[in-house]
Amino acid sequence: MAATSYSSSSSAAGAGGGGAAAATAAGLKTYFKTPEGRYKLQYEKAHSAAVLHYNHGGKTVSQLTVAYLKERLTGQGSTPSTPSSSSGMRSAAARLLGTGNGSRALSFVGGNGVSRAVSESNRVGGTLGTSTSLGGSQAVTNYDGKGAYIIYNSADTLFISDLNSQDKDPLKSIHFSNSNPLCHAFDSEAKEGHDLIIGMGSGDVYSMSLRQQLQEPGRKPVAAQHYNRGDKDGMSISSRCTSVAWVPECEGMFVVSHSDGNLYVYDKCRDGNTECTFPAIKDPAQLMVSHAKSSKSNPIARWHVCHGSINAISFSPDGAYLATVGRDGYLRVFDFSKEQLIFGGKSYYGALLCCTWSSDGKYLLTGGEDDLVQVWSMDDRKTVAWGEGHNSWVSGVAFDPYWSPPNADGTGENAVYRFGSVGQDTQLLLWDLAMDEIVVPLRHPSGGSPTFSSGSPSAHWDSACPPTGILQPSPRMRDVPKLSPLVAHRVHADPLSGVVFSTESIVTICREGLIKIWARPGHSENNQQSNSSEFALSNTVSKDRAITSFSKASGSSFKQPSSLGLT
């Protein structure tokens, strides 16, 4: 697909806080243009070096999770679901939290790469106060029980910031004395109890309530559950955590992947310190799923996926499929309930580092050391396009859930998927994927050089669907349809590690933990706190599933609140 490129102009106007001045000093542009308008640097988030204690085991890469909390509803779960042998501890936690820490969070983007639309029309952010000491060691003042939060890690500390505030410093910092937090995920569907999981460099895993961390003073985790503790008898997983993910549509279940090629399935409603053993792995290159013998064990299952590190995991929005990418360069897609490999394929070169699903579950994105963004089709079970535009490793990919996907029956015309990617080249790239506009290689029967045509890749290129359970080799470069980025913009001075789309902005983070919020066209600093509801917009998009049309005259268009009937 030949996409138009839009260059950004040098300007320091329009960025909130100190973001514009800092960007200008670093030679960075503070806005970039797309067919639908200008994205502007609104403000930045960062931590103070003074709150970092110690970097256990070397340098860590900052990762980003965006979590939405709504105000607690009366009558919602009265006690957290954290397991405990003491009923007194449960009642004490219930007294501490009032109606419980089980308030249902409304949206999640980041962490495990899935974007799920929110389901309420409450405004996020707004009346949050700030911490009264450096790094958020005191309880958040004027806490109203709702908000949009950025969760990110650096060295031995996890930080929580208010997405909709121009405050650069975090609201809260949580210090871990035993290891560095490396990955985290927030459960938007948690009915009660803990909704935040954190994977550590030591292999330890924590679960906790995001709301409770914000309510309580101090810099230690509050009422956290500790899994895979190295100081306890029984199984101890010493390899570092690489990714964590809640299982959609399965209350309390979450998965943690590790650098030794294993991933473990946990149940937050079970004790995290029970003894658990699994059989020896016979062939490191083969899938092996083992279940714990005791009904009280936690983790409850181990999946040995590959030889070498699993670098990232992501669940399809309905929780039916689990995607993993690894050091061996393979994407693997599993039927999670059946514990079976559906299909897999290899990168053009090197390891794969990140993956994510489209909101309709029909496509996946992967990125890695070959500098490519690969688009995979669940229907075709293979790569259907390669995005070329990065000059170094691709470290983060995300679909924009506010661009509506095609109809489930595939009848949508000119439907567009918008997605973004970031890399170690410090660039943010935006892409529009219109499957009917893609340039498709057509192979000659004689095996000569391919010609090209437009249309669905599955209609022309290797139309046969691979057998179930087979890992496919990398296709030849000339045989794969190519995408060009809509926008390529250098957004940070340091290599990037993540990107997240929200209704009003694009959020990027670099390896050092600096976060930038890029306001969408039409969302200025003034209307960031307006009454136009992010939750109402997301809810409308989720229910309507309207198709965004690709206009050949004006390019793609982002649906503004007015176009959705909102005021």
Protein backbone atom coordinates (compact mmCIF):
# COMPACT_ATOMS: atom_id res chain seq x y z
CA MET A 1 0.00 0.00 0.00
CA ALA A 2 1.56 3.27 -1.09
CA ALA A 3 0.82 5.69 1.75
CA THR A 4 1.46 9.41 1.77
CA SER A 5 4.19 10.61 4.13
CA TYR A 6 3.72 13.76 6.17
CA SER A 7 6.73 15.64 7.54
CA SER A 8 6.58 17.42 10.88
CA SER A 9 7.48 21.06 11.19
CA SER A 10 9.69 22.58 13.82
CA SER A 11 7.67 24.41 16.43
CA ALA A 12 7.66 24.75 20.18
CA ALA A 13 4.12 25.97 20.42
CA GLY A 14 1.29 23.90 21.82
CA ALA A 15 3.18 21.61 24.21
CA GLY A 16 2.24 21.73 27.86
CA GLY A 17 4.54 21.84 30.86
CA GLY A 18 8.24 21.81 30.00
CA GLY A 19 7.78 19.34 27.14
CA ALA A 20 8.15 21.86 24.31
CA ALA A 21 11.31 23.46 25.64
CA ALA A 22 12.92 20.10 26.35
CA ALA A 23 11.99 18.75 22.94
CA THR A 24 13.33 21.84 21.19
CA ALA A 25 16.58 21.63 23.14
CA ALA A 26 16.98 18.02 21.99
CA GLY A 27 16.30 18.95 18.38
CA LEU A 28 12.92 17.19 18.39
CA LYS A 29 9.72 18.39 16.77
CA THR A 30 6.72 19.05 18.99
CA TYR A 31 4.02 18.07 16.50
CA PHE A 32 3.49 15.96 13.42
CA LYS A 33 0.89 16.03 10.69
CA THR A 34 -1.52 13.34 9.51
CA PRO A 35 -4.35 13.52 6.96
CA GLU A 36 -6.83 14.13 9.79
CA GLY A 37 -4.80 16.95 11.33
CA ARG A 38 -1.94 17.76 13.66
CA TYR A 39 -0.84 15.73 16.69
CA LYS A 40 0.76 18.03 19.27
CA LEU A 41 3.04 17.26 22.20
CA GLN A 42 0.76 18.05 25.14
CA TYR A 43 3.00 17.25 28.11
CA GLU A 44 5.57 14.85 29.50
CA LYS A 45 5.74 12.49 32.48
CA ALA A 46 8.93 11.43 34.21
CA HIS A 47 10.26 10.28 37.56
CA SER A 48 12.89 11.93 39.68
CA ALA A 49 16.19 10.09 39.99
CA ALA A 50 16.02 10.82 43.72
CA VAL A 51 13.25 8.23 44.25
CA LEU A 52 15.24 5.35 42.73
CA HIS A 53 17.00 3.16 45.26
CA TYR A 54 18.99 0.52 43.47
CA ASN A 55 19.02 -1.08 40.05
CA HIS A 56 19.02 -4.79 40.87
CA GLY A 57 20.80 -6.89 38.27
CA GLY A 58 21.62 -4.24 35.69
CA LYS A 59 19.75 -1.76 33.52
CA THR A 60 16.03 -2.24 32.94
CA VAL A 61 13.74 -1.09 30.13
CA SER A 62 10.73 1.01 31.12
CA GLN A 63 7.37 -0.41 30.05
CA LEU A 64 4.00 1.35 29.93
CA THR A 65 0.48 0.41 30.99
CA VAL A 66 -2.52 2.75 30.89
CA ALA A 67 -5.36 1.89 33.28
CA TYR A 68 -8.78 3.49 33.74
CA LEU A 69 -10.61 3.37 37.06
CA LYS A 70 -14.19 4.47 37.63
CA GLU A 71 -15.86 5.52 40.82
CA ARG A 72 -16.85 2.56 42.98
CA LEU A 73 -20.47 1.47 42.71
CA THR A 74 -22.53 1.01 45.87
CA GLY A 75 -22.90 -2.64 46.77
CA GLN A 76 -19.93 -3.79 44.75
CA GLY A 77 -17.77 -6.56 46.24
CA SER A 78 -17.23 -5.95 49.94
CA THR A 79 -13.98 -7.83 50.28
CA PRO A 80 -10.97 -8.33 48.10
CA SER A 81 -10.47 -11.74 46.58
CA THR A 82 -6.86 -12.02 47.68
CA PRO A 83 -6.44 -15.45 49.30
CA SER A 84 -5.60 -15.61 52.99
CA SER A 85 -5.76 -18.20 55.71
CA SER A 86 -6.86 -15.54 58.18
CA SER A 87 -10.43 -14.25 58.09
CA GLY A 88 -9.28 -11.40 60.32
CA MET A 89 -6.95 -10.19 57.59
CA ARG A 90 -9.82 -10.21 55.10
CA SER A 91 -12.11 -8.23 57.39
CA ALA A 92 -9.33 -5.76 58.12
CA ALA A 93 -8.80 -5.23 54.40
CA ALA A 94 -12.55 -4.77 53.94
CA ARG A 95 -12.63 -2.12 56.67
CA LEU A 96 -9.67 -0.39 55.09
CA LEU A 97 -11.25 -0.27 51.65
CA GLY A 98 -14.84 0.49 52.59
CA THR A 99 -16.77 -1.31 49.87
CA GLY A 100 -13.66 -3.17 48.81
CA ASN A 101 -10.85 -2.71 46.34
CA GLY A 102 -12.77 -4.52 43.67
CA SER A 103 -14.00 -1.50 41.74
CA ARG A 104 -14.23 -2.44 38.13
CA ALA A 105 -11.74 -0.66 35.94
CA LEU A 106 -13.06 0.50 32.64
CA SER A 107 -10.32 0.18 30.10
CA PHE A 108 -6.90 -1.26 29.54
CA VAL A 109 -4.28 -0.53 26.98
CA GLY A 110 -0.64 -1.52 27.12
CA GLY A 111 0.84 -4.31 29.26
CA ASN A 112 -0.13 -7.31 27.23
CA GLY A 113 -0.88 -5.40 24.09
CA VAL A 114 -4.69 -5.84 23.90
CA SER A 115 -6.94 -2.80 23.56
CA ARG A 116 -10.41 -3.23 25.01
CA ALA A 117 -13.10 -0.59 24.73
CA VAL A 118 -14.53 0.84 27.97
CA SER A 119 -18.12 0.28 28.98
CA GLU A 120 -19.22 3.32 30.98
CA SER A 121 -19.65 7.03 30.33
CA ASN A 122 -17.90 8.49 33.36
CA ARG A 123 -15.24 11.14 32.88
CA VAL A 124 -11.73 10.08 33.84
CA GLY A 125 -9.25 12.17 35.77
CA GLY A 126 -10.24 15.64 36.83
CA THR A 127 -10.24 16.06 40.59
CA LEU A 128 -7.15 14.14 41.50
CA GLY A 129 -4.75 15.94 43.79
CA THR A 130 -1.01 15.45 44.02
CA SER A 131 1.26 13.72 46.47
CA THR A 132 2.66 15.86 49.25
CA SER A 133 6.14 14.40 48.98
CA LEU A 134 8.64 13.44 46.31
CA GLY A 135 7.69 10.44 44.26
CA GLY A 136 4.25 9.96 45.75
CA SER A 137 5.16 8.48 49.13
CA GLN A 138 2.03 9.96 50.70
CA ALA A 139 -1.56 9.05 49.93
CA VAL A 140 -3.08 10.88 46.97
CA THR A 141 -5.01 13.87 48.29
CA ASN A 142 -8.56 14.64 47.11
CA TYR A 143 -8.79 11.10 45.75
CA ASP A 144 -12.22 10.66 44.14
CA GLY A 145 -11.98 6.97 43.21
CA LYS A 146 -11.75 7.37 39.46
CA GLY A 147 -9.19 8.41 36.91
CA ALA A 148 -6.89 7.49 34.06
CA TYR A 149 -3.45 6.37 35.18
CA ILE A 150 -0.10 5.67 33.59
CA ILE A 151 1.85 2.83 35.21
CA TYR A 152 5.53 2.52 34.34
CA ASN A 153 8.72 1.04 35.79
CA SER A 154 12.29 2.23 36.19
CA ALA A 155 15.08 0.50 38.14
CA ASP A 156 13.60 -0.86 41.40
CA THR A 157 10.47 1.30 41.39
CA LEU A 158 6.97 1.25 39.87
CA PHE A 159 5.43 4.67 39.22
CA ILE A 160 1.80 5.75 38.89
CA SER A 161 0.93 9.05 37.19
CA ASP A 162 -2.32 10.80 36.33
CA LEU A 163 -2.76 10.65 32.56
CA ASN A 164 -4.94 13.77 32.40
CA SER A 165 -2.81 15.96 34.65
CA GLN A 166 0.01 18.21 33.44
CA ASP A 167 2.03 17.30 36.52
CA LYS A 168 5.29 15.79 35.31
CA ASP A 169 6.06 13.96 38.57
CA PRO A 170 4.26 10.72 39.44
CA LEU A 171 1.46 10.55 42.00
CA LYS A 172 2.85 7.44 43.62
CA SER A 173 6.03 5.38 43.65
CA ILE A 174 6.21 1.76 44.84
CA HIS A 175 9.64 0.49 45.79
CA PHE A 176 10.65 -3.19 45.58
CA SER A 177 13.60 -4.23 47.71
CA ASN A 178 14.29 -7.65 46.19
CA SER A 179 14.35 -7.03 42.43
CA ASN A 180 13.41 -4.71 39.56
CA PRO A 181 9.85 -4.66 38.18
CA LEU A 182 10.06 -5.45 34.46
CA CYS A 183 6.48 -5.87 33.20
CA HIS A 184 2.94 -5.17 34.38
CA ALA A 185 -0.68 -5.51 33.31
CA PHE A 186 -4.00 -4.12 34.53
CA ASP A 187 -7.27 -6.08 34.46
CA SER A 188 -10.12 -3.92 33.20
CA GLU A 189 -12.65 -6.66 33.97
CA ALA A 190 -11.68 -7.49 37.57
CA LYS A 191 -14.90 -7.78 39.53
CA GLU A 192 -13.14 -7.63 42.87
CA GLY A 193 -9.76 -7.93 44.49
CA HIS A 194 -6.45 -7.37 42.79
CA ASP A 195 -6.35 -5.89 39.30
CA LEU A 196 -2.64 -5.17 38.80
CA ILE A 197 0.08 -7.78 38.26
CA ILE A 198 3.82 -7.11 38.17
CA GLY A 199 6.59 -9.40 36.94
CA MET A 200 10.08 -9.04 38.41
CA GLY A 201 13.61 -9.59 37.21
CA SER A 202 14.04 -12.27 39.88
CA GLY A 203 11.08 -14.29 38.58
CA ASP A 204 8.85 -13.19 41.47
CA VAL A 205 5.32 -12.02 40.68
CA TYR A 206 3.07 -9.63 42.64
CA SER A 207 -0.63 -8.88 42.41
CA MET A 208 -2.28 -5.91 44.09
CA SER A 209 -5.13 -3.41 43.89
CA LEU A 210 -4.30 -0.25 41.96
CA ARG A 211 -6.94 1.69 43.89
CA GLN A 212 -5.50 0.62 47.21
CA GLN A 213 -1.98 1.65 46.22
CA LEU A 214 -3.31 5.13 45.45
CA GLN A 215 -5.25 5.36 48.70
CA GLU A 216 -2.44 4.39 51.02
CA PRO A 217 0.71 6.35 51.96
CA GLY A 218 4.18 4.89 51.86
CA ARG A 219 6.39 3.44 49.16
CA LYS A 220 5.93 -0.26 49.82
CA PRO A 221 3.31 -2.43 48.07
CA VAL A 222 0.08 -2.43 50.09
CA ALA A 223 -1.75 -5.74 50.70
CA ALA A 224 0.09 -7.36 47.80
CA GLN A 225 0.06 -11.06 47.04
CA HIS A 226 3.53 -12.50 46.38
CA TYR A 227 3.87 -15.47 44.01
CA ASN A 228 6.93 -17.62 43.32
CA ARG A 229 8.83 -16.35 46.32
CA GLY A 230 12.47 -17.36 46.24
CA ASP A 231 12.68 -17.54 50.03
CA LYS A 232 9.96 -20.18 50.34
CA ASP A 233 10.19 -23.97 50.15
CA GLY A 234 9.01 -25.67 46.99
CA MET A 235 9.21 -24.45 43.43
CA SER A 236 11.06 -21.24 42.74
CA ILE A 237 11.29 -19.90 39.18
CA SER A 238 14.54 -17.99 38.98
CA SER A 239 14.43 -16.84 35.35
CA ARG A 240 13.32 -13.25 34.84
CA CYS A 241 9.75 -12.36 33.94
CA THR A 242 9.40 -11.01 30.42
CA SER A 243 5.66 -10.36 30.08
CA VAL A 244 2.44 -10.65 32.09
CA ALA A 245 -1.17 -10.79 30.91
CA TRP A 246 -4.61 -11.27 32.45
CA VAL A 247 -6.73 -13.89 30.67
CA PRO A 248 -9.79 -12.13 29.16
CA GLU A 249 -13.18 -13.58 30.05
CA CYS A 250 -11.62 -15.69 32.81
CA GLU A 251 -11.89 -14.01 36.19
CA GLY A 252 -8.72 -14.05 38.26
CA MET A 253 -6.50 -15.96 35.81
CA PHE A 254 -3.23 -14.53 34.57
CA VAL A 255 -0.16 -15.73 32.68
CA VAL A 256 3.52 -14.89 33.20
CA SER A 257 6.22 -15.61 30.62
CA HIS A 258 9.91 -16.05 31.43
CA SER A 259 13.31 -15.82 29.78
CA ASP A 260 13.78 -19.62 29.93
CA GLY A 261 11.01 -20.29 27.39
CA ASN A 262 8.34 -21.17 29.98
CA LEU A 263 5.09 -19.46 30.81
CA TYR A 264 3.02 -20.14 33.92
CA VAL A 265 -0.71 -19.88 34.50
CA TYR A 266 -1.82 -18.48 37.88
CA ASP A 267 -5.10 -18.07 39.74
CA LYS A 268 -5.21 -14.96 41.94
CA CYS A 269 -7.83 -16.62 44.16
CA ARG A 270 -5.32 -19.27 45.31
CA ASP A 271 -2.49 -18.86 47.77
CA GLY A 272 0.66 -17.72 46.03
CA ASN A 273 3.07 -19.57 48.31
CA THR A 274 2.00 -23.19 47.88
CA GLU A 275 4.53 -25.83 46.93
CA CYS A 276 4.41 -26.79 43.27
CA THR A 277 6.57 -29.00 41.05
CA PHE A 278 6.44 -29.85 37.35
CA PRO A 279 8.07 -32.68 35.36
CA ALA A 280 11.39 -32.21 33.62
CA ILE A 281 11.36 -30.81 30.09
CA LYS A 282 12.38 -33.54 27.64
CA ASP A 283 12.80 -31.54 24.45
CA PRO A 284 13.43 -27.77 24.84
CA ALA A 285 12.36 -27.18 21.23
CA GLN A 286 8.89 -28.75 21.62
CA LEU A 287 5.69 -27.52 23.25
CA MET A 288 5.04 -29.22 26.58
CA VAL A 289 2.07 -28.37 28.83
CA SER A 290 2.06 -29.68 32.40
CA HIS A 291 -0.52 -29.24 35.13
CA ALA A 292 0.06 -29.08 38.86
CA LYS A 293 -0.94 -32.25 40.66
CA SER A 294 -2.47 -30.52 43.66
CA SER A 295 -5.68 -28.49 43.39
CA LYS A 296 -4.13 -25.99 45.81
CA SER A 297 -0.97 -25.38 43.76
CA ASN A 298 -0.22 -22.01 42.26
CA PRO A 299 0.86 -21.71 39.45
CA ILE A 300 -1.66 -24.21 38.18
CA ALA A 301 0.09 -25.00 34.88
CA ARG A 302 3.38 -24.63 33.06
CA TRP A 303 3.73 -24.25 29.30
CA HIS A 304 7.16 -24.85 27.87
CA VAL A 305 6.91 -22.93 24.59
CA CYS A 306 10.34 -22.61 23.05
CA HIS A 307 14.08 -22.86 23.46
CA GLY A 308 15.21 -19.42 24.62
CA SER A 309 13.32 -16.45 25.94
CA ILE A 310 9.65 -15.67 25.40
CA ASN A 311 9.85 -11.93 24.80
CA ALA A 312 6.17 -10.98 24.82
CA ILE A 313 2.68 -12.47 25.10
CA SER A 314 -0.76 -11.19 24.14
CA PHE A 315 -4.30 -12.57 24.36
CA SER A 316 -6.93 -12.10 21.69
CA PRO A 317 -9.72 -9.82 22.96
CA ASP A 318 -12.05 -12.76 23.61
CA GLY A 319 -9.36 -14.75 25.42
CA ALA A 320 -9.60 -17.67 23.00
CA TYR A 321 -6.07 -17.36 21.62
CA LEU A 322 -2.68 -16.64 23.12
CA ALA A 323 0.13 -15.22 20.99
CA THR A 324 3.79 -15.45 22.00
CA VAL A 325 6.95 -14.12 20.36
CA GLY A 326 10.43 -15.23 21.26
CA ARG A 327 14.16 -15.08 20.91
CA ASP A 328 13.99 -17.82 18.26
CA GLY A 329 12.15 -15.40 15.93
CA TYR A 330 8.82 -17.24 15.90
CA LEU A 331 5.30 -16.00 16.47
CA ARG A 332 3.19 -18.79 17.96
CA VAL A 333 -0.60 -18.65 18.28
CA PHE A 334 -2.25 -21.11 20.66
CA ASP A 335 -5.81 -22.13 21.36
CA PHE A 336 -5.57 -21.32 25.06
CA SER A 337 -8.37 -23.56 26.38
CA LYS A 338 -7.31 -26.54 24.24
CA GLU A 339 -3.60 -25.88 24.93
CA GLN A 340 -2.78 -26.46 21.26
CA LEU A 341 -0.61 -24.66 18.74
CA ILE A 342 -2.77 -23.25 15.93
CA PHE A 343 -0.06 -21.79 13.72
CA GLY A 344 3.24 -19.96 13.82
CA GLY A 345 5.69 -18.21 11.59
CA LYS A 346 9.20 -16.83 11.61
CA SER A 347 10.54 -13.32 11.34
CA TYR A 348 12.62 -12.35 8.34
CA TYR A 349 15.64 -12.09 10.62
CA GLY A 350 16.41 -12.29 14.34
CA ALA A 351 14.21 -12.25 17.40
CA LEU A 352 10.65 -10.99 17.66
CA LEU A 353 10.23 -8.52 20.54
CA CYS A 354 6.56 -7.47 20.66
CA CYS A 355 3.07 -8.48 19.56
CA THR A 356 -0.53 -7.32 19.77
CA TRP A 357 -4.03 -8.09 18.43
CA SER A 358 -6.56 -6.02 16.52
CA SER A 359 -9.73 -5.35 18.49
CA ASP A 360 -11.71 -7.77 16.28
CA GLY A 361 -9.13 -10.54 16.72
CA LYS A 362 -8.57 -10.92 12.97
CA TYR A 363 -5.01 -9.57 12.74
CA LEU A 364 -1.84 -9.55 14.78
CA LEU A 365 1.18 -7.29 14.67
CA THR A 366 4.72 -8.30 15.54
CA GLY A 367 7.98 -6.38 15.55
CA GLY A 368 11.57 -7.29 16.19
CA GLU A 369 15.20 -7.28 15.17
CA ASP A 370 14.53 -7.32 11.41
CA ASP A 371 13.27 -3.69 11.64
CA LEU A 372 9.93 -4.79 10.15
CA VAL A 373 6.35 -4.58 11.38
CA GLN A 374 4.70 -7.84 10.36
CA VAL A 375 0.93 -8.12 9.86
CA TRP A 376 -0.48 -11.62 10.41
CA SER A 377 -3.94 -12.86 9.48
CA MET A 378 -5.81 -15.30 11.69
CA ASP A 379 -7.95 -16.39 8.72
CA ASP A 380 -4.93 -17.06 6.50
CA ARG A 381 -2.61 -18.17 9.33
CA LYS A 382 0.40 -16.36 7.93
CA THR A 383 2.04 -13.02 7.26
CA VAL A 384 -0.05 -10.89 4.89
CA ALA A 385 2.06 -7.69 4.88
CA TRP A 386 5.36 -6.25 6.04
CA GLY A 387 5.70 -2.66 7.14
CA GLU A 388 8.99 -1.06 6.11
CA GLY A 389 10.07 2.23 7.67
CA HIS A 390 12.05 1.65 10.87
CA ASN A 391 15.84 1.95 10.87
CA SER A 392 16.39 -0.23 13.92
CA TRP A 393 14.67 -2.86 16.06
CA VAL A 394 10.91 -2.50 16.50
CA SER A 395 10.19 -2.55 20.23
CA GLY A 396 6.47 -1.76 20.48
CA VAL A 397 3.34 -2.16 18.33
CA ALA A 398 -0.30 -1.26 18.97
CA PHE A 399 -3.55 -1.02 17.04
CA ASP A 400 -5.58 2.16 17.45
CA PRO A 401 -8.93 0.82 18.76
CA TYR A 402 -10.69 4.07 17.83
CA TRP A 403 -10.39 3.18 14.15
CA SER A 404 -13.22 0.69 13.66
CA PRO A 405 -12.31 -2.75 12.26
CA PRO A 406 -14.11 -4.44 9.35
CA ASN A 407 -17.40 -6.24 9.87
CA ALA A 408 -17.06 -9.75 11.22
CA ASP A 409 -18.49 -11.15 7.96
CA GLY A 410 -15.78 -9.39 5.97
CA THR A 411 -18.22 -7.30 3.89
CA GLY A 412 -16.87 -3.91 4.98
CA GLU A 413 -15.60 -1.90 2.02
CA ASN A 414 -12.36 0.09 2.19
CA ALA A 415 -12.08 -0.64 5.90
CA VAL A 416 -8.95 0.75 7.55
CA TYR A 417 -6.96 -0.44 10.52
CA ARG A 418 -4.78 2.27 12.05
CA PHE A 419 -1.79 1.05 14.03
CA GLY A 420 1.45 2.44 15.40
CA SER A 421 4.95 1.19 16.02
CA VAL A 422 7.98 2.48 17.91
CA GLY A 423 11.59 1.40 17.77
CA GLN A 424 15.11 1.84 18.94
CA ASP A 425 15.51 4.37 16.12
CA THR A 426 13.53 6.78 18.43
CA GLN A 427 10.72 7.00 15.87
CA LEU A 428 6.96 6.66 16.08
CA LEU A 429 5.44 5.36 12.85
CA LEU A 430 1.72 5.43 12.07
CA TRP A 431 0.28 3.08 9.48
CA ASP A 432 -3.05 2.61 7.72
CA LEU A 433 -3.83 -0.94 6.68
CA ALA A 434 -6.48 -1.14 3.95
CA MET A 435 -6.47 -4.75 2.80
CA ASP A 436 -8.14 -4.03 -0.55
CA GLU A 437 -5.50 -1.39 -1.39
CA ILE A 438 -2.47 -3.52 -0.61
CA VAL A 439 0.01 -4.25 -3.39
CA VAL A 440 0.14 -8.03 -3.73
CA PRO A 441 2.87 -10.04 -5.47
CA LEU A 442 1.55 -12.53 -8.03
CA ARG A 443 3.80 -15.50 -8.67
CA HIS A 444 4.42 -16.79 -12.16
CA PRO A 445 3.85 -20.54 -12.55
CA SER A 446 7.35 -20.73 -13.97
CA GLY A 447 8.78 -19.42 -10.72
CA GLY A 448 10.02 -16.15 -12.24
CA SER A 449 9.87 -12.69 -10.77
CA PRO A 450 6.46 -11.74 -9.37
CA THR A 451 4.13 -9.18 -10.90
CA PHE A 452 1.84 -7.06 -8.73
CA SER A 453 -1.85 -6.50 -8.29
CA SER A 454 -4.31 -5.00 -5.80
CA GLY A 455 -6.68 -7.04 -3.71
CA SER A 456 -6.79 -9.35 -0.73
CA PRO A 457 -3.46 -11.11 -0.19
CA SER A 458 -5.25 -14.36 0.51
CA ALA A 459 -6.82 -14.22 -2.95
CA HIS A 460 -3.50 -14.13 -4.80
CA TRP A 461 -0.53 -14.98 -2.68
CA ASP A 462 -0.03 -18.49 -1.33
CA SER A 463 -3.77 -18.95 -0.97
CA ALA A 464 -3.46 -22.34 0.71
CA CYS A 465 -3.92 -22.12 4.48
CA PRO A 466 -1.09 -23.84 6.39
CA PRO A 467 -2.01 -26.97 8.38
CA THR A 468 -2.85 -26.57 12.04
CA GLY A 469 0.07 -26.80 14.42
CA ILE A 470 2.82 -26.09 11.89
CA LEU A 471 5.52 -23.43 12.29
CA GLN A 472 6.09 -21.80 8.92
CA PRO A 473 9.52 -20.57 7.76
CA SER A 474 10.04 -16.94 6.85
CA PRO A 475 8.77 -16.08 3.36
CA ARG A 476 11.03 -14.47 0.78
CA MET A 477 11.17 -10.69 0.95
CA ARG A 478 9.91 -10.27 -2.63
CA ASP A 479 6.86 -12.44 -1.98
CA VAL A 480 5.33 -10.37 0.84
CA PRO A 481 3.11 -7.31 0.24
CA LYS A 482 4.74 -4.12 1.58
CA LEU A 483 3.31 -1.24 3.60
CA SER A 484 4.75 2.26 3.84
CA PRO A 485 4.16 4.38 6.96
CA LEU A 486 1.65 7.21 6.90
CA VAL A 487 3.84 9.15 9.34
CA ALA A 488 7.40 8.75 10.58
CA HIS A 489 8.30 11.08 13.45
CA ARG A 490 11.25 11.16 15.86
CA VAL A 491 9.52 11.58 19.21
CA HIS A 492 12.27 10.89 21.80
CA ALA A 493 16.00 11.32 22.11
CA ASP A 494 16.36 7.78 23.52
CA PRO A 495 15.24 4.43 22.07
CA LEU A 496 11.52 3.80 22.49
CA SER A 497 9.98 0.85 24.32
CA GLY A 498 6.21 1.27 24.07
CA VAL A 499 3.21 3.01 22.50
CA VAL A 500 -0.43 3.20 23.65
CA PHE A 501 -3.49 4.76 22.00
CA SER A 502 -6.10 6.51 24.13
CA THR A 503 -9.20 8.33 22.95
CA GLU A 504 -7.61 11.76 23.14
CA SER A 505 -3.91 11.01 22.64
CA ILE A 506 -1.03 8.75 21.71
CA VAL A 507 1.27 7.90 24.61
CA THR A 508 4.92 6.97 24.00
CA ILE A 509 7.64 5.89 26.42
CA CYS A 510 11.39 5.53 26.00
CA ARG A 511 13.66 2.98 27.64
CA GLU A 512 14.74 5.54 30.27
CA GLY A 513 11.17 6.12 31.49
CA LEU A 514 10.30 9.47 29.88
CA ILE A 515 6.66 9.53 28.73
CA LYS A 516 5.15 11.87 26.15
CA ILE A 517 1.44 12.49 25.54
CA TRP A 518 0.60 13.51 21.96
CA ALA A 519 -2.86 15.10 21.72
CA ARG A 520 -4.99 13.99 18.80
CA PRO A 521 -6.20 16.57 16.28
CA GLY A 522 -8.98 18.61 17.90
CA HIS A 523 -7.93 17.77 21.46
CA SER A 524 -6.08 20.77 22.82
CA GLU A 525 -4.77 21.49 26.28
CA ASN A 526 -7.98 23.30 27.16
CA ASN A 527 -10.45 20.58 26.20
CA GLN A 528 -8.36 17.84 27.83
CA GLN A 529 -10.36 18.57 31.02
CA SER A 530 -13.66 19.32 29.27
CA ASN A 531 -16.91 17.48 29.78
CA SER A 532 -16.58 15.51 26.56
CA SER A 533 -16.36 12.02 27.94
CA GLU A 534 -13.53 9.66 27.02
CA PHE A 535 -15.61 6.84 28.44
CA ALA A 536 -18.70 7.85 26.45
CA LEU A 537 -16.67 8.03 23.25
CA SER A 538 -15.11 4.63 23.84
CA ASN A 539 -18.48 3.10 24.70
CA THR A 540 -20.04 4.49 21.55
CA VAL A 541 -17.20 3.17 19.38
CA SER A 542 -17.44 -0.21 21.05
CA LYS A 543 -21.18 -0.55 20.49
CA ASP A 544 -21.48 0.95 17.04
CA ARG A 545 -18.47 -0.73 15.41
CA ALA A 546 -18.86 1.77 12.59
CA ILE A 547 -16.45 1.29 9.71
CA THR A 548 -13.99 4.08 9.12
CA SER A 549 -13.81 4.69 5.38
CA PHE A 550 -10.57 5.31 3.57
CA SER A 551 -11.02 8.43 1.48
CA LYS A 552 -8.72 8.58 -1.49
CA ALA A 553 -9.10 12.35 -1.56
CA SER A 554 -8.35 13.22 2.03
CA GLY A 555 -6.79 10.06 3.46
CA SER A 556 -7.88 8.48 6.74
CA SER A 557 -10.03 10.28 9.28
CA PHE A 558 -10.19 10.00 13.06
CA LYS A 559 -13.71 10.02 14.42
CA GLN A 560 -14.14 13.12 16.56
CA PRO A 561 -16.70 13.16 19.41
CA SER A 562 -19.05 15.31 17.30
CA SER A 563 -19.16 12.67 14.56
CA LEU A 564 -20.30 10.13 17.12
CA GLY A 565 -23.18 12.27 18.35
CA LEU A 566 -21.42 13.46 21.50
CA THR A 567 -21.26 16.98 22.85
